[in-house]
N, C-alpha and C. Protein backbone atom coordinates (compact mmCIF):
# COMPACT_ATOMS: atom_id res chain seq x y z
N UNK A 1 24.18 -12.87 2.98
CA UNK A 1 23.74 -11.52 2.62
C UNK A 1 22.89 -10.95 3.74
N UNK A 2 23.29 -9.78 4.25
CA UNK A 2 22.57 -9.14 5.34
C UNK A 2 21.28 -8.57 4.79
N UNK A 3 20.17 -8.91 5.44
CA UNK A 3 18.88 -8.49 4.92
C UNK A 3 18.17 -7.49 5.82
N UNK A 4 18.52 -7.45 7.09
CA UNK A 4 17.90 -6.53 8.04
C UNK A 4 19.02 -5.83 8.81
N UNK A 5 19.02 -4.51 8.77
CA UNK A 5 20.04 -3.74 9.46
C UNK A 5 19.36 -2.67 10.31
N UNK A 6 19.51 -2.85 11.63
CA UNK A 6 18.91 -1.91 12.58
C UNK A 6 19.97 -0.93 13.08
N UNK A 7 19.54 0.29 13.41
CA UNK A 7 20.45 1.29 13.95
C UNK A 7 19.66 2.31 14.77
N UNK A 8 20.41 3.12 15.51
CA UNK A 8 19.79 4.21 16.24
C UNK A 8 19.68 4.04 17.74
N UNK A 9 20.06 2.88 18.24
CA UNK A 9 19.99 2.65 19.68
C UNK A 9 21.03 3.45 20.43
N UNK A 10 20.96 3.36 21.75
CA UNK A 10 21.93 4.05 22.58
C UNK A 10 21.52 4.05 24.03
N UNK A 11 22.27 4.81 24.81
CA UNK A 11 22.01 4.96 26.24
C UNK A 11 21.35 6.32 26.45
N UNK A 12 20.16 6.32 27.03
CA UNK A 12 19.46 7.56 27.28
C UNK A 12 18.88 7.56 28.70
N UNK A 13 18.54 8.74 29.16
CA UNK A 13 17.96 8.86 30.49
C UNK A 13 16.44 8.72 30.42
N UNK A 14 15.87 8.39 31.53
CA UNK A 14 14.42 8.29 31.68
C UNK A 14 13.74 9.53 31.09
N UNK A 15 12.70 9.29 30.29
CA UNK A 15 11.92 10.37 29.73
C UNK A 15 12.42 10.93 28.40
N UNK A 16 13.59 10.51 27.98
CA UNK A 16 14.14 11.01 26.72
C UNK A 16 13.62 10.19 25.55
N UNK A 17 14.09 10.54 24.35
CA UNK A 17 13.60 9.93 23.11
C UNK A 17 14.74 9.34 22.29
N UNK A 18 14.38 8.37 21.47
CA UNK A 18 15.28 7.79 20.48
C UNK A 18 14.48 7.45 19.24
N UNK A 19 15.15 7.47 18.11
CA UNK A 19 14.53 7.03 16.86
C UNK A 19 15.36 5.91 16.25
N UNK A 20 14.75 4.77 16.10
CA UNK A 20 15.41 3.62 15.50
C UNK A 20 15.07 3.54 14.02
N UNK A 21 16.02 3.01 13.26
CA UNK A 21 15.81 2.80 11.83
C UNK A 21 16.17 1.36 11.48
N UNK A 22 15.49 0.85 10.49
CA UNK A 22 15.79 -0.50 10.00
C UNK A 22 15.62 -0.51 8.49
N UNK A 23 16.68 -0.91 7.83
CA UNK A 23 16.63 -1.06 6.37
C UNK A 23 16.59 -2.54 6.04
N UNK A 24 15.66 -2.89 5.19
CA UNK A 24 15.46 -4.29 4.84
C UNK A 24 15.64 -4.50 3.34
N UNK A 25 15.97 -5.70 2.99
CA UNK A 25 16.02 -6.02 1.56
C UNK A 25 14.60 -5.96 1.00
N UNK A 26 14.52 -5.72 -0.28
CA UNK A 26 13.21 -5.57 -0.89
C UNK A 26 12.34 -6.79 -0.76
N UNK A 27 12.95 -7.96 -0.78
CA UNK A 27 12.17 -9.20 -0.70
C UNK A 27 11.47 -9.33 0.65
N UNK A 28 12.05 -8.72 1.67
CA UNK A 28 11.43 -8.77 3.00
C UNK A 28 10.42 -7.65 3.15
N UNK A 29 10.77 -6.47 2.66
CA UNK A 29 10.01 -5.27 2.97
C UNK A 29 8.78 -5.09 2.11
N UNK A 30 8.93 -5.26 0.83
CA UNK A 30 7.91 -4.84 -0.12
C UNK A 30 6.55 -5.48 0.12
N UNK A 31 5.55 -4.62 0.30
CA UNK A 31 4.14 -5.01 0.43
C UNK A 31 3.85 -5.87 1.67
N UNK A 32 4.80 -5.93 2.58
CA UNK A 32 4.62 -6.76 3.78
C UNK A 32 4.47 -5.93 5.04
N UNK A 33 3.81 -6.49 6.02
CA UNK A 33 3.76 -5.88 7.33
C UNK A 33 5.12 -6.01 8.00
N UNK A 34 5.63 -4.88 8.47
CA UNK A 34 6.92 -4.86 9.15
C UNK A 34 6.70 -4.52 10.62
N UNK A 35 7.57 -5.04 11.45
CA UNK A 35 7.40 -4.81 12.87
C UNK A 35 8.71 -4.57 13.59
N UNK A 36 8.59 -3.95 14.74
CA UNK A 36 9.72 -3.81 15.66
C UNK A 36 9.47 -4.75 16.84
N UNK A 37 10.49 -5.50 17.16
CA UNK A 37 10.47 -6.43 18.28
C UNK A 37 11.54 -5.98 19.28
N UNK A 38 11.41 -6.49 20.50
CA UNK A 38 12.47 -6.25 21.47
C UNK A 38 12.63 -7.46 22.36
N UNK A 39 13.85 -7.61 22.85
CA UNK A 39 14.16 -8.71 23.75
C UNK A 39 15.05 -8.22 24.86
N UNK A 40 14.53 -8.30 26.06
CA UNK A 40 15.29 -7.94 27.25
C UNK A 40 15.92 -9.21 27.81
N UNK A 41 17.00 -9.07 28.57
CA UNK A 41 17.66 -10.26 29.13
C UNK A 41 16.70 -11.12 29.93
N UNK A 42 16.68 -12.41 29.63
CA UNK A 42 15.83 -13.34 30.34
C UNK A 42 14.40 -13.38 29.85
N UNK A 43 14.08 -12.53 28.89
CA UNK A 43 12.71 -12.48 28.36
C UNK A 43 12.65 -12.99 26.93
N UNK A 44 11.47 -13.37 26.52
CA UNK A 44 11.27 -13.74 25.13
C UNK A 44 11.17 -12.48 24.27
N UNK A 45 11.46 -12.66 23.00
CA UNK A 45 11.32 -11.55 22.07
C UNK A 45 9.83 -11.22 21.90
N UNK A 46 9.51 -9.94 21.96
CA UNK A 46 8.12 -9.54 21.85
C UNK A 46 7.95 -8.49 20.75
N UNK A 47 6.79 -8.54 20.11
CA UNK A 47 6.44 -7.56 19.10
C UNK A 47 5.87 -6.32 19.78
N UNK A 48 6.46 -5.17 19.52
CA UNK A 48 5.99 -3.95 20.18
C UNK A 48 5.22 -3.03 19.23
N UNK A 49 5.49 -3.12 17.93
CA UNK A 49 4.78 -2.26 16.98
C UNK A 49 4.86 -2.88 15.59
N UNK A 50 3.81 -2.69 14.82
CA UNK A 50 3.81 -3.18 13.45
C UNK A 50 3.12 -2.18 12.54
N UNK A 51 3.46 -2.24 11.25
CA UNK A 51 2.88 -1.33 10.27
C UNK A 51 2.69 -2.06 8.96
N UNK A 52 1.49 -1.94 8.40
CA UNK A 52 1.20 -2.54 7.12
C UNK A 52 1.74 -1.71 5.97
N UNK A 53 1.65 -2.27 4.78
CA UNK A 53 2.19 -1.59 3.61
C UNK A 53 1.56 -0.21 3.42
N UNK A 54 0.26 -0.10 3.72
CA UNK A 54 -0.43 1.17 3.52
C UNK A 54 -0.49 2.02 4.79
N UNK A 55 0.22 1.60 5.82
CA UNK A 55 0.39 2.47 6.98
C UNK A 55 -0.44 2.16 8.21
N UNK A 56 -1.26 1.11 8.16
CA UNK A 56 -2.01 0.75 9.35
C UNK A 56 -1.07 0.27 10.44
N UNK A 57 -1.28 0.74 11.67
CA UNK A 57 -0.35 0.43 12.76
C UNK A 57 -1.03 -0.27 13.93
N UNK A 58 -0.23 -1.04 14.65
CA UNK A 58 -0.65 -1.68 15.89
C UNK A 58 0.49 -1.56 16.89
N UNK A 59 0.12 -1.47 18.19
CA UNK A 59 1.11 -1.31 19.23
C UNK A 59 0.79 -2.22 20.41
N UNK A 60 1.84 -2.67 21.06
CA UNK A 60 1.66 -3.35 22.34
C UNK A 60 1.18 -2.34 23.37
N UNK A 61 0.40 -2.81 24.31
CA UNK A 61 -0.13 -1.90 25.32
C UNK A 61 0.97 -1.17 26.08
N UNK A 62 2.10 -1.83 26.26
CA UNK A 62 3.19 -1.26 27.05
C UNK A 62 3.83 -0.04 26.39
N UNK A 63 3.63 0.13 25.09
CA UNK A 63 4.28 1.25 24.39
C UNK A 63 3.26 2.20 23.76
N UNK A 64 2.01 1.86 23.84
CA UNK A 64 0.98 2.66 23.20
C UNK A 64 1.00 4.09 23.75
N UNK A 65 0.97 5.06 22.86
CA UNK A 65 1.01 6.46 23.26
C UNK A 65 2.41 7.02 23.42
N UNK A 66 3.41 6.16 23.43
CA UNK A 66 4.80 6.61 23.57
C UNK A 66 5.64 6.32 22.33
N UNK A 67 5.36 5.21 21.67
CA UNK A 67 6.12 4.80 20.49
C UNK A 67 5.29 5.03 19.24
N UNK A 68 5.98 5.33 18.14
CA UNK A 68 5.30 5.52 16.86
C UNK A 68 6.11 4.85 15.76
N UNK A 69 5.47 3.97 15.00
CA UNK A 69 6.15 3.26 13.92
C UNK A 69 5.75 3.91 12.60
N UNK A 70 6.71 3.99 11.69
CA UNK A 70 6.44 4.53 10.36
C UNK A 70 7.33 3.82 9.35
N UNK A 71 7.03 4.01 8.09
CA UNK A 71 7.83 3.35 7.06
C UNK A 71 7.97 4.25 5.84
N UNK A 72 9.08 4.05 5.14
CA UNK A 72 9.32 4.72 3.87
C UNK A 72 9.47 3.63 2.83
N UNK A 73 8.43 3.39 2.07
CA UNK A 73 8.44 2.28 1.13
C UNK A 73 9.47 2.47 0.01
N UNK A 74 9.78 3.70 -0.32
CA UNK A 74 10.77 3.95 -1.37
C UNK A 74 12.18 3.59 -0.91
N UNK A 75 12.39 3.61 0.40
CA UNK A 75 13.72 3.34 0.95
C UNK A 75 13.81 1.98 1.63
N UNK A 76 12.72 1.22 1.59
CA UNK A 76 12.69 -0.09 2.30
C UNK A 76 13.12 0.07 3.76
N UNK A 77 12.64 1.12 4.39
CA UNK A 77 13.06 1.44 5.74
C UNK A 77 11.85 1.61 6.65
N UNK A 78 11.98 1.08 7.85
CA UNK A 78 10.95 1.25 8.87
C UNK A 78 11.60 1.92 10.08
N UNK A 79 10.83 2.80 10.71
CA UNK A 79 11.33 3.59 11.83
C UNK A 79 10.52 3.31 13.09
N UNK A 80 11.14 3.56 14.22
CA UNK A 80 10.44 3.50 15.49
C UNK A 80 10.84 4.72 16.31
N UNK A 81 9.92 5.65 16.45
CA UNK A 81 10.14 6.81 17.30
C UNK A 81 9.70 6.45 18.71
N UNK A 82 10.63 6.54 19.63
CA UNK A 82 10.35 6.16 21.01
C UNK A 82 10.47 7.39 21.90
N UNK A 83 9.37 7.79 22.50
CA UNK A 83 9.33 8.94 23.38
C UNK A 83 9.06 8.53 24.82
N UNK A 84 9.39 9.40 25.73
CA UNK A 84 9.13 9.15 27.16
C UNK A 84 9.63 7.76 27.55
N UNK A 85 10.88 7.50 27.24
CA UNK A 85 11.43 6.16 27.48
C UNK A 85 11.52 5.86 28.98
N UNK A 86 11.33 4.58 29.29
CA UNK A 86 11.34 4.10 30.66
C UNK A 86 12.42 3.02 30.80
N UNK A 87 12.90 2.77 32.00
CA UNK A 87 13.90 1.71 32.18
C UNK A 87 13.42 0.35 31.67
N UNK A 88 12.13 0.08 31.75
CA UNK A 88 11.60 -1.20 31.28
C UNK A 88 11.60 -1.31 29.75
N UNK A 89 11.94 -0.23 29.06
CA UNK A 89 12.11 -0.30 27.60
C UNK A 89 13.50 -0.80 27.22
N UNK A 90 14.37 -0.95 28.19
CA UNK A 90 15.72 -1.43 27.92
C UNK A 90 15.68 -2.83 27.31
N UNK A 91 16.28 -2.96 26.14
CA UNK A 91 16.25 -4.23 25.41
C UNK A 91 17.06 -4.07 24.13
N UNK A 92 17.28 -5.19 23.46
CA UNK A 92 17.78 -5.15 22.09
C UNK A 92 16.55 -5.10 21.17
N UNK A 93 16.56 -4.15 20.26
CA UNK A 93 15.44 -3.95 19.35
C UNK A 93 15.78 -4.49 17.97
N UNK A 94 14.83 -5.21 17.40
CA UNK A 94 14.99 -5.82 16.09
C UNK A 94 13.79 -5.46 15.21
N UNK A 95 14.01 -5.46 13.93
CA UNK A 95 12.88 -5.35 13.01
C UNK A 95 12.79 -6.63 12.20
N UNK A 96 11.61 -6.88 11.66
CA UNK A 96 11.41 -8.06 10.83
C UNK A 96 10.06 -7.95 10.14
N UNK A 97 9.89 -8.76 9.14
CA UNK A 97 8.58 -8.95 8.54
C UNK A 97 7.73 -9.74 9.53
N UNK A 98 6.51 -9.31 9.72
CA UNK A 98 5.63 -9.92 10.71
C UNK A 98 4.80 -11.02 10.07
N UNK A 99 4.87 -12.22 10.62
CA UNK A 99 4.09 -13.33 10.12
C UNK A 99 2.68 -13.34 10.69
N UNK A 100 1.84 -14.23 10.21
CA UNK A 100 0.45 -14.30 10.67
C UNK A 100 0.31 -14.54 12.18
N UNK A 101 1.31 -15.20 12.75
CA UNK A 101 1.26 -15.46 14.20
C UNK A 101 1.99 -14.39 15.00
N UNK A 102 2.42 -13.34 14.33
CA UNK A 102 3.11 -12.25 15.01
C UNK A 102 4.60 -12.45 15.13
N UNK A 103 5.09 -13.57 14.73
CA UNK A 103 6.52 -13.84 14.82
C UNK A 103 7.24 -13.31 13.58
N UNK A 104 8.52 -13.02 13.73
CA UNK A 104 9.31 -12.57 12.60
C UNK A 104 9.57 -13.70 11.62
N UNK A 105 9.56 -13.36 10.34
CA UNK A 105 9.67 -14.37 9.31
C UNK A 105 11.10 -14.53 8.80
N UNK A 106 11.80 -13.44 8.59
CA UNK A 106 13.14 -13.49 8.01
C UNK A 106 14.18 -13.79 9.09
N UNK A 107 15.38 -14.08 8.64
CA UNK A 107 16.49 -14.23 9.59
C UNK A 107 16.70 -12.91 10.32
N UNK A 108 16.95 -13.00 11.61
CA UNK A 108 17.08 -11.79 12.41
C UNK A 108 18.39 -11.07 12.12
N UNK A 109 18.34 -9.74 12.19
CA UNK A 109 19.54 -8.94 12.11
C UNK A 109 20.24 -8.89 13.44
N UNK A 110 21.21 -7.99 13.54
CA UNK A 110 22.01 -7.92 14.78
C UNK A 110 21.29 -7.15 15.87
N UNK A 111 20.28 -6.41 15.52
CA UNK A 111 19.55 -5.61 16.50
C UNK A 111 20.32 -4.37 16.91
N UNK A 112 19.66 -3.53 17.69
CA UNK A 112 20.28 -2.33 18.23
C UNK A 112 19.90 -2.19 19.69
N UNK A 113 20.89 -1.96 20.53
CA UNK A 113 20.68 -1.93 21.98
C UNK A 113 20.11 -0.58 22.41
N UNK A 114 19.06 -0.64 23.18
CA UNK A 114 18.49 0.55 23.80
C UNK A 114 18.58 0.36 25.31
N UNK A 115 19.22 1.30 25.98
CA UNK A 115 19.35 1.25 27.42
C UNK A 115 18.84 2.56 28.01
N UNK A 116 17.88 2.44 28.92
CA UNK A 116 17.28 3.62 29.55
C UNK A 116 17.67 3.62 31.01
N UNK A 117 18.34 4.66 31.42
CA UNK A 117 18.77 4.76 32.81
C UNK A 117 17.81 5.64 33.59
N UNK A 118 17.73 5.33 34.88
CA UNK A 118 16.85 6.11 35.74
C UNK A 118 17.63 7.11 36.57
């Protein structure tokens, strides 16, 4: 059973924007901190943004001021608005429930590819 479904990625030029969406099963989403992760080729998966059930947010320094995470608890959906994209943002983006150590807890979805060209 698919529990995390990401969408919204694509190929964009430097400085443009994208909005990612992730729908999760209720068992993963409800009352839990959700996060967006990314993994570039040759790199480890990293947490770039997280949001608590009541909307508190945290961001990696590399995306602070450019990315914005939000959630719709009624739809079990978390979003990532990415503005002023840079080539170094190129990666596969995943969402997941965030564990105490910052790692994703549930089985990973297929992710969505974001490619930023210069």
